[in-house]
Amino acid sequence: MNEAVAAFANRLTANRDRLGDLAGVEWRTSPDLVPYEAAVSAMEDRAAAIFAGDAPELVWFLEHPPLYTAGTSAKAGDLLDAARFPVYAAGRGGQYTYHGPGQLVVYVLLDLNRRGRDVRRHVRRLEDWVIAALTDYGVTGAARDDRPGVWVRDGAREEKIAAIGVRVRRWVTFHGTAINVSPDLSHFAGIVPCGIEDAGVTSLERLGALNGHAGAPAASPAS
């Protein structure tokens, strides 16, 4: 895993109380790039096992090879360059987004049957969790009611630094958030990210926030 990405995963781990009581939750970090289809298959299997009571809940840190994903609200016209990278139907909420090296993807599989069946609260907790970790980098993030994800000021513009996309099956959540730590931002040019044409994307690297934050691979707290 990219050192800067691993360091941000460490900050999320340190701020894990923002997600609520995570006693008994498994924390996993994949050191190598994980193919998207393999990750989705693993999530679906794990979500079923969580519902059945056969496996603990899971927070999974990883990076993907370059690809585009289409959420359930994706519009065909927002895919500007279909030949650039593989395109996958994600099944999560939201529109088009990009995944690739330098971006921390966090899949959060929690059982809302015992945490309260409130998807909006789950999404807000994901946003608050990312915002708290950004604060550790001296970056002020914000959630917007009319725009999904986490937003920051980049010069005169407000731009997205983290996407949020959640799927819920039998009240078990999967998918989660993707934070732009140090990805190649030119890769976003093949889509209209999240269907928002009047705002762009940024990263911690572009904001100059990474100095002194590269470190060891993300720690996994005791389950």
C-alpha atoms as a PDB file:
ATOM      1  CA  MET A   1       0.000   0.000   0.000  1.00  0.00           C
ATOM      2  CA  ASN A   2       1.193   3.494  -0.866  1.00  0.00           C
ATOM      3  CA  GLU A   3       2.861   4.972   2.261  1.00  0.00           C
ATOM      4  CA  ALA A   4       0.789   8.141   2.229  1.00  0.00           C
ATOM      5  CA  VAL A   5      -2.392   6.100   1.803  1.00  0.00           C
ATOM      6  CA  ALA A   6      -1.387   3.837   4.700  1.00  0.00           C
ATOM      7  CA  ALA A   7      -0.704   6.895   6.857  1.00  0.00           C
ATOM      8  CA  PHE A   8      -4.207   8.226   6.198  1.00  0.00           C
ATOM      9  CA  ALA A   9      -5.635   4.819   7.053  1.00  0.00           C
ATOM     10  CA  ASN A  10      -3.804   5.154  10.369  1.00  0.00           C
ATOM     11  CA  ARG A  11      -5.536   8.476  11.022  1.00  0.00           C
ATOM     12  CA  LEU A  12      -8.924   6.948  10.264  1.00  0.00           C
ATOM     13  CA  THR A  13      -8.107   4.122  12.655  1.00  0.00           C
ATOM     14  CA  ALA A  14      -7.229   6.658  15.354  1.00  0.00           C
ATOM     15  CA  ASN A  15     -10.590   8.404  14.801  1.00  0.00           C
ATOM     16  CA  ARG A  16     -12.644   5.213  14.652  1.00  0.00           C
ATOM     17  CA  ASP A  17     -14.945   6.327  17.483  1.00  0.00           C
ATOM     18  CA  ARG A  18     -16.671   8.567  14.916  1.00  0.00           C
ATOM     19  CA  LEU A  19     -18.301   5.416  13.510  1.00  0.00           C
ATOM     20  CA  GLY A  20     -19.814   4.449  16.860  1.00  0.00           C
ATOM     21  CA  ASP A  21     -19.075   1.433  19.035  1.00  0.00           C
ATOM     22  CA  LEU A  22     -16.791  -0.816  16.983  1.00  0.00           C
ATOM     23  CA  ALA A  23     -16.108  -3.468  19.601  1.00  0.00           C
ATOM     24  CA  GLY A  24     -15.773  -6.838  17.893  1.00  0.00           C
ATOM     25  CA  VAL A  25     -15.306  -5.362  14.408  1.00  0.00           C
ATOM     26  CA  GLU A  26     -12.507  -6.838  12.273  1.00  0.00           C
ATOM     27  CA  TRP A  27     -10.040  -4.332  10.752  1.00  0.00           C
ATOM     28  CA  ARG A  28      -8.266  -5.438   7.596  1.00  0.00           C
ATOM     29  CA  THR A  29      -5.601  -3.803   5.411  1.00  0.00           C
ATOM     30  CA  SER A  30      -4.687  -5.182   1.971  1.00  0.00           C
ATOM     31  CA  PRO A  31      -1.061  -4.331   1.119  1.00  0.00           C
ATOM     32  CA  ASP A  32      -1.449  -4.912  -2.637  1.00  0.00           C
ATOM     33  CA  LEU A  33      -3.929  -3.531  -5.175  1.00  0.00           C
ATOM     34  CA  VAL A  34      -7.204  -5.462  -4.985  1.00  0.00           C
ATOM     35  CA  PRO A  35      -9.139  -6.077  -8.241  1.00  0.00           C
ATOM     36  CA  TYR A  36     -12.559  -4.446  -8.008  1.00  0.00           C
ATOM     37  CA  GLU A  37     -14.611  -7.517  -8.919  1.00  0.00           C
ATOM     38  CA  ALA A  38     -12.781  -9.603  -6.307  1.00  0.00           C
ATOM     39  CA  ALA A  39     -13.438  -6.974  -3.652  1.00  0.00           C
ATOM     40  CA  VAL A  40     -17.145  -6.751  -4.456  1.00  0.00           C
ATOM     41  CA  SER A  41     -17.476 -10.544  -4.377  1.00  0.00           C
ATOM     42  CA  ALA A  42     -15.708 -10.670  -1.019  1.00  0.00           C
ATOM     43  CA  MET A  43     -17.944  -7.914   0.359  1.00  0.00           C
ATOM     44  CA  GLU A  44     -21.113  -9.655  -0.754  1.00  0.00           C
ATOM     45  CA  ASP A  45     -20.022 -12.913   0.844  1.00  0.00           C
ATOM     46  CA  ARG A  46     -19.020 -11.155   4.050  1.00  0.00           C
ATOM     47  CA  ALA A  47     -22.268  -9.147   4.238  1.00  0.00           C
ATOM     48  CA  ALA A  48     -24.252 -12.392   3.997  1.00  0.00           C
ATOM     49  CA  ALA A  49     -22.112 -13.972   6.709  1.00  0.00           C
ATOM     50  CA  ILE A  50     -22.549 -10.936   8.970  1.00  0.00           C
ATOM     51  CA  PHE A  51     -26.324 -11.104   8.560  1.00  0.00           C
ATOM     52  CA  ALA A  52     -26.278 -14.813   9.374  1.00  0.00           C
ATOM     53  CA  GLY A  53     -24.137 -14.241  12.443  1.00  0.00           C
ATOM     54  CA  ASP A  54     -21.274 -16.285  11.011  1.00  0.00           C
ATOM     55  CA  ALA A  55     -18.672 -13.501  10.767  1.00  0.00           C
ATOM     56  CA  PRO A  56     -17.853 -10.248  12.545  1.00  0.00           C
ATOM     57  CA  GLU A  57     -18.443  -6.834  11.013  1.00  0.00           C
ATOM     58  CA  LEU A  58     -15.564  -5.481   8.931  1.00  0.00           C
ATOM     59  CA  VAL A  59     -13.681  -2.292   8.086  1.00  0.00           C
ATOM     60  CA  TRP A  60     -11.400  -2.928   5.103  1.00  0.00           C
ATOM     61  CA  PHE A  61      -8.646  -0.570   3.858  1.00  0.00           C
ATOM     62  CA  LEU A  62      -7.394  -1.090   0.298  1.00  0.00           C
ATOM     63  CA  GLU A  63      -6.455   0.408  -3.061  1.00  0.00           C
ATOM     64  CA  HIS A  64      -7.787  -0.628  -6.468  1.00  0.00           C
ATOM     65  CA  PRO A  65      -6.180  -0.640  -9.922  1.00  0.00           C
ATOM     66  CA  PRO A  66      -7.490   2.239 -12.105  1.00  0.00           C
ATOM     67  CA  LEU A  67     -11.196   1.880 -12.973  1.00  0.00           C
ATOM     68  CA  TYR A  68     -14.515   3.680 -13.106  1.00  0.00           C
ATOM     69  CA  THR A  69     -17.601   2.569 -11.245  1.00  0.00           C
ATOM     70  CA  ALA A  70     -21.215   3.456 -11.949  1.00  0.00           C
ATOM     71  CA  GLY A  71     -23.603   3.814  -9.033  1.00  0.00           C
ATOM     72  CA  THR A  72     -27.340   3.252  -9.252  1.00  0.00           C
ATOM     73  CA  SER A  73     -27.943   6.908 -10.243  1.00  0.00           C
ATOM     74  CA  ALA A  74     -25.230   7.074 -12.927  1.00  0.00           C
ATOM     75  CA  LYS A  75     -26.106   8.855 -16.189  1.00  0.00           C
ATOM     76  CA  ALA A  76     -24.665   7.539 -19.447  1.00  0.00           C
ATOM     77  CA  GLY A  77     -23.612  11.021 -20.529  1.00  0.00           C
ATOM     78  CA  ASP A  78     -21.341  11.375 -17.496  1.00  0.00           C
ATOM     79  CA  LEU A  79     -19.025   8.650 -18.792  1.00  0.00           C
ATOM     80  CA  LEU A  80     -16.799  10.760 -21.032  1.00  0.00           C
ATOM     81  CA  ASP A  81     -14.142   8.207 -21.985  1.00  0.00           C
ATOM     82  CA  ALA A  82     -15.406   4.645 -21.677  1.00  0.00           C
ATOM     83  CA  ALA A  83     -12.262   3.214 -23.262  1.00  0.00           C
ATOM     84  CA  ARG A  84      -9.811   4.730 -20.806  1.00  0.00           C
ATOM     85  CA  PHE A  85     -10.287   2.294 -17.903  1.00  0.00           C
ATOM     86  CA  PRO A  86     -12.585  -0.651 -17.135  1.00  0.00           C
ATOM     87  CA  VAL A  87     -16.102   0.383 -16.111  1.00  0.00           C
ATOM     88  CA  TYR A  88     -18.090  -1.559 -13.505  1.00  0.00           C
ATOM     89  CA  ALA A  89     -21.677  -1.331 -12.331  1.00  0.00           C
ATOM     90  CA  ALA A  90     -21.178  -0.939  -8.591  1.00  0.00           C
ATOM     91  CA  GLY A  91     -24.663  -1.479  -7.187  1.00  0.00           C
ATOM     92  CA  ARG A  92     -23.992   1.220  -4.572  1.00  0.00           C
ATOM     93  CA  GLY A  93     -25.743   4.560  -4.358  1.00  0.00           C
ATOM     94  CA  GLY A  94     -24.379   7.525  -6.288  1.00  0.00           C
ATOM     95  CA  GLN A  95     -23.131   8.124  -9.823  1.00  0.00           C
ATOM     96  CA  TYR A  96     -19.761   7.676 -11.557  1.00  0.00           C
ATOM     97  CA  THR A  97     -16.557   7.672  -9.580  1.00  0.00           C
ATOM     98  CA  TYR A  98     -12.930   6.717 -10.113  1.00  0.00           C
ATOM     99  CA  HIS A  99     -10.763   4.336  -8.094  1.00  0.00           C
ATOM    100  CA  GLY A 100      -7.026   3.886  -8.461  1.00  0.00           C
ATOM    101  CA  PRO A 101      -3.628   3.830  -6.764  1.00  0.00           C
ATOM    102  CA  GLY A 102      -3.099   6.669  -4.323  1.00  0.00           C
ATOM    103  CA  GLN A 103      -6.747   6.631  -3.296  1.00  0.00           C
ATOM    104  CA  LEU A 104      -7.702   5.003  -0.007  1.00  0.00           C
ATOM    105  CA  VAL A 105     -10.854   2.926  -0.386  1.00  0.00           C
ATOM    106  CA  VAL A 106     -12.573   1.952   2.853  1.00  0.00           C
ATOM    107  CA  TYR A 107     -15.278  -0.689   2.745  1.00  0.00           C
ATOM    108  CA  VAL A 108     -17.410  -0.561   5.869  1.00  0.00           C
ATOM    109  CA  LEU A 109     -19.582  -3.596   6.584  1.00  0.00           C
ATOM    110  CA  LEU A 110     -21.736  -2.957   9.645  1.00  0.00           C
ATOM    111  CA  ASP A 111     -24.959  -4.577  10.817  1.00  0.00           C
ATOM    112  CA  LEU A 112     -27.596  -1.863  11.173  1.00  0.00           C
ATOM    113  CA  ASN A 113     -30.006  -4.425  12.563  1.00  0.00           C
ATOM    114  CA  ARG A 114     -28.236  -3.962  15.880  1.00  0.00           C
ATOM    115  CA  ARG A 115     -26.904  -0.443  15.349  1.00  0.00           C
ATOM    116  CA  GLY A 116     -30.199   1.183  14.390  1.00  0.00           C
ATOM    117  CA  ARG A 117     -31.752   0.983  10.941  1.00  0.00           C
ATOM    118  CA  ASP A 118     -30.798   4.498   9.910  1.00  0.00           C
ATOM    119  CA  VAL A 119     -28.864   4.672   6.628  1.00  0.00           C
ATOM    120  CA  ARG A 120     -28.677   8.473   6.681  1.00  0.00           C
ATOM    121  CA  ARG A 121     -26.978   8.367  10.086  1.00  0.00           C
ATOM    122  CA  HIS A 122     -24.531   5.769   8.764  1.00  0.00           C
ATOM    123  CA  VAL A 123     -23.611   8.025   5.839  1.00  0.00           C
ATOM    124  CA  ARG A 124     -23.193  11.019   8.157  1.00  0.00           C
ATOM    125  CA  ARG A 125     -20.909   8.990  10.371  1.00  0.00           C
ATOM    126  CA  LEU A 126     -18.753   8.066   7.380  1.00  0.00           C
ATOM    127  CA  GLU A 127     -18.521  11.746   6.423  1.00  0.00           C
ATOM    128  CA  ASP A 128     -17.713  12.811   9.990  1.00  0.00           C
ATOM    129  CA  TRP A 129     -15.065  10.087  10.209  1.00  0.00           C
ATOM    130  CA  VAL A 130     -13.265  11.330   7.098  1.00  0.00           C
ATOM    131  CA  ILE A 131     -13.597  14.970   8.198  1.00  0.00           C
ATOM    132  CA  ALA A 132     -11.974  14.143  11.566  1.00  0.00           C
ATOM    133  CA  ALA A 133      -9.017  12.443   9.860  1.00  0.00           C
ATOM    134  CA  LEU A 134      -8.600  15.378   7.464  1.00  0.00           C
ATOM    135  CA  THR A 135      -8.377  17.695  10.452  1.00  0.00           C
ATOM    136  CA  ASP A 136      -5.271  15.790  11.561  1.00  0.00           C
ATOM    137  CA  TYR A 137      -3.694  16.974   8.289  1.00  0.00           C
ATOM    138  CA  GLY A 138      -4.711  20.593   8.815  1.00  0.00           C
ATOM    139  CA  VAL A 139      -7.427  20.282   6.165  1.00  0.00           C
ATOM    140  CA  THR A 140     -10.981  21.467   6.825  1.00  0.00           C
ATOM    141  CA  GLY A 141     -13.569  19.185   5.262  1.00  0.00           C
ATOM    142  CA  ALA A 142     -17.331  19.607   5.137  1.00  0.00           C
ATOM    143  CA  ALA A 143     -20.403  17.599   4.186  1.00  0.00           C
ATOM    144  CA  ARG A 144     -23.085  19.178   1.997  1.00  0.00           C
ATOM    145  CA  ASP A 145     -26.756  18.241   2.019  1.00  0.00           C
ATOM    146  CA  ASP A 146     -27.030  18.808  -1.739  1.00  0.00           C
ATOM    147  CA  ARG A 147     -23.737  17.150  -2.712  1.00  0.00           C
ATOM    148  CA  PRO A 148     -22.606  13.727  -1.510  1.00  0.00           C
ATOM    149  CA  GLY A 149     -19.117  13.209  -0.171  1.00  0.00           C
ATOM    150  CA  VAL A 150     -16.619  15.375   1.688  1.00  0.00           C
ATOM    151  CA  TRP A 151     -15.642  18.783   0.318  1.00  0.00           C
ATOM    152  CA  VAL A 152     -12.697  21.122   0.878  1.00  0.00           C
ATOM    153  CA  ARG A 153     -11.578  24.515  -0.367  1.00  0.00           C
ATOM    154  CA  ASP A 154      -8.929  24.305  -3.084  1.00  0.00           C
ATOM    155  CA  GLY A 155      -8.095  27.903  -3.897  1.00  0.00           C
ATOM    156  CA  ALA A 156     -11.263  29.703  -4.973  1.00  0.00           C
ATOM    157  CA  ARG A 157     -13.193  26.485  -5.611  1.00  0.00           C
ATOM    158  CA  GLU A 158     -14.869  23.948  -3.411  1.00  0.00           C
ATOM    159  CA  GLU A 159     -13.779  20.506  -4.553  1.00  0.00           C
ATOM    160  CA  LYS A 160     -14.414  16.921  -3.529  1.00  0.00           C
ATOM    161  CA  ILE A 161     -11.710  15.037  -1.659  1.00  0.00           C
ATOM    162  CA  ALA A 162     -13.745  11.963  -0.657  1.00  0.00           C
ATOM    163  CA  ALA A 163     -16.631  10.125  -2.288  1.00  0.00           C
ATOM    164  CA  ILE A 164     -19.296   8.312  -0.284  1.00  0.00           C
ATOM    165  CA  GLY A 165     -21.276   5.422  -1.746  1.00  0.00           C
ATOM    166  CA  VAL A 166     -23.224   2.936   0.342  1.00  0.00           C
ATOM    167  CA  ARG A 167     -25.215  -0.196  -0.368  1.00  0.00           C
ATOM    168  CA  VAL A 168     -27.404  -1.924   2.204  1.00  0.00           C
ATOM    169  CA  ARG A 169     -28.624  -5.500   1.998  1.00  0.00           C
ATOM    170  CA  ARG A 170     -30.815  -6.917   4.784  1.00  0.00           C
ATOM    171  CA  TRP A 171     -29.602  -3.910   6.814  1.00  0.00           C
ATOM    172  CA  VAL A 172     -25.946  -4.835   6.494  1.00  0.00           C
ATOM    173  CA  THR A 173     -23.910  -2.028   4.900  1.00  0.00           C
ATOM    174  CA  PHE A 174     -21.160  -2.408   2.359  1.00  0.00           C
ATOM    175  CA  HIS A 175     -19.120  -0.203   0.027  1.00  0.00           C
ATOM    176  CA  GLY A 176     -18.204   2.988   1.929  1.00  0.00           C
ATOM    177  CA  THR A 177     -15.816   5.847   1.148  1.00  0.00           C
ATOM    178  CA  ALA A 178     -12.861   6.653  -1.129  1.00  0.00           C
ATOM    179  CA  ILE A 179     -10.421   9.376  -0.081  1.00  0.00           C
ATOM    180  CA  ASN A 180      -8.086  11.042  -2.572  1.00  0.00           C
ATOM    181  CA  VAL A 181      -4.709  10.954  -0.863  1.00  0.00           C
ATOM    182  CA  SER A 182      -2.282  11.039  -3.822  1.00  0.00           C
ATOM    183  CA  PRO A 183      -4.004   9.625  -6.934  1.00  0.00           C
ATOM    184  CA  ASP A 184      -3.353  10.787 -10.491  1.00  0.00           C
ATOM    185  CA  LEU A 185      -6.121  13.390 -10.657  1.00  0.00           C
ATOM    186  CA  SER A 186      -6.014  13.415 -14.467  1.00  0.00           C
ATOM    187  CA  HIS A 187      -7.699   9.996 -14.338  1.00  0.00           C
ATOM    188  CA  PHE A 188     -10.923  11.669 -13.224  1.00  0.00           C
ATOM    189  CA  ALA A 189     -11.153  13.358 -16.657  1.00  0.00           C
ATOM    190  CA  GLY A 190     -12.895  10.302 -18.118  1.00  0.00           C
ATOM    191  CA  ILE A 191     -16.047  10.931 -16.073  1.00  0.00           C
ATOM    192  CA  VAL A 192     -18.140  13.686 -14.570  1.00  0.00           C
ATOM    193  CA  PRO A 193     -17.378  12.713 -10.953  1.00  0.00           C
ATOM    194  CA  CYS A 194     -20.621  12.052  -9.091  1.00  0.00           C
ATOM    195  CA  GLY A 195     -22.507  13.880 -11.841  1.00  0.00           C
ATOM    196  CA  ILE A 196     -21.443  17.325 -10.595  1.00  0.00           C
ATOM    197  CA  GLU A 197     -20.231  19.469 -13.481  1.00  0.00           C
ATOM    198  CA  ASP A 198     -19.488  22.730 -11.648  1.00  0.00           C
ATOM    199  CA  ALA A 199     -16.996  21.319  -9.150  1.00  0.00           C
ATOM    200  CA  GLY A 200     -13.857  19.258  -9.426  1.00  0.00           C
ATOM    201  CA  VAL A 201     -11.817  16.857  -7.355  1.00  0.00           C
ATOM    202  CA  THR A 202      -8.708  17.393  -5.300  1.00  0.00           C
ATOM    203  CA  SER A 203      -6.353  15.377  -3.083  1.00  0.00           C
ATOM    204  CA  LEU A 204      -4.263  15.755   0.035  1.00  0.00           C
ATOM    205  CA  GLU A 205      -1.197  15.775  -2.207  1.00  0.00           C
ATOM    206  CA  ARG A 206      -2.552  18.620  -4.334  1.00  0.00           C
ATOM    207  CA  LEU A 207      -3.430  20.578  -1.188  1.00  0.00           C
ATOM    208  CA  GLY A 208       0.163  20.202   0.022  1.00  0.00           C
ATOM    209  CA  ALA A 209      -1.000  18.402   3.159  1.00  0.00           C
ATOM    210  CA  LEU A 210       1.153  15.260   3.022  1.00  0.00           C
ATOM    211  CA  ASN A 211       4.436  16.564   4.445  1.00  0.00           C
ATOM    212  CA  GLY A 212       5.345  14.573   7.528  1.00  0.00           C
ATOM    213  CA  HIS A 213       2.408  12.173   7.190  1.00  0.00           C
ATOM    214  CA  ALA A 214       3.905   9.239   5.291  1.00  0.00           C
ATOM    215  CA  GLY A 215       4.355   6.339   7.642  1.00  0.00           C
ATOM    216  CA  ALA A 216       4.028   2.676   8.400  1.00  0.00           C
ATOM    217  CA  PRO A 217       1.174   0.502   7.139  1.00  0.00           C
ATOM    218  CA  ALA A 218      -2.152   1.031   8.860  1.00  0.00           C
ATOM    219  CA  ALA A 219      -2.459  -0.501  12.290  1.00  0.00           C
ATOM    220  CA  SER A 220      -5.291  -2.936  12.936  1.00  0.00           C
ATOM    221  CA  PRO A 221      -6.917  -2.410  16.321  1.00  0.00           C
ATOM    222  CA  ALA A 222      -7.891  -5.430  18.329  1.00  0.00           C
ATOM    223  CA  SER A 223     -11.264  -6.827  17.372  1.00  0.00           C
END
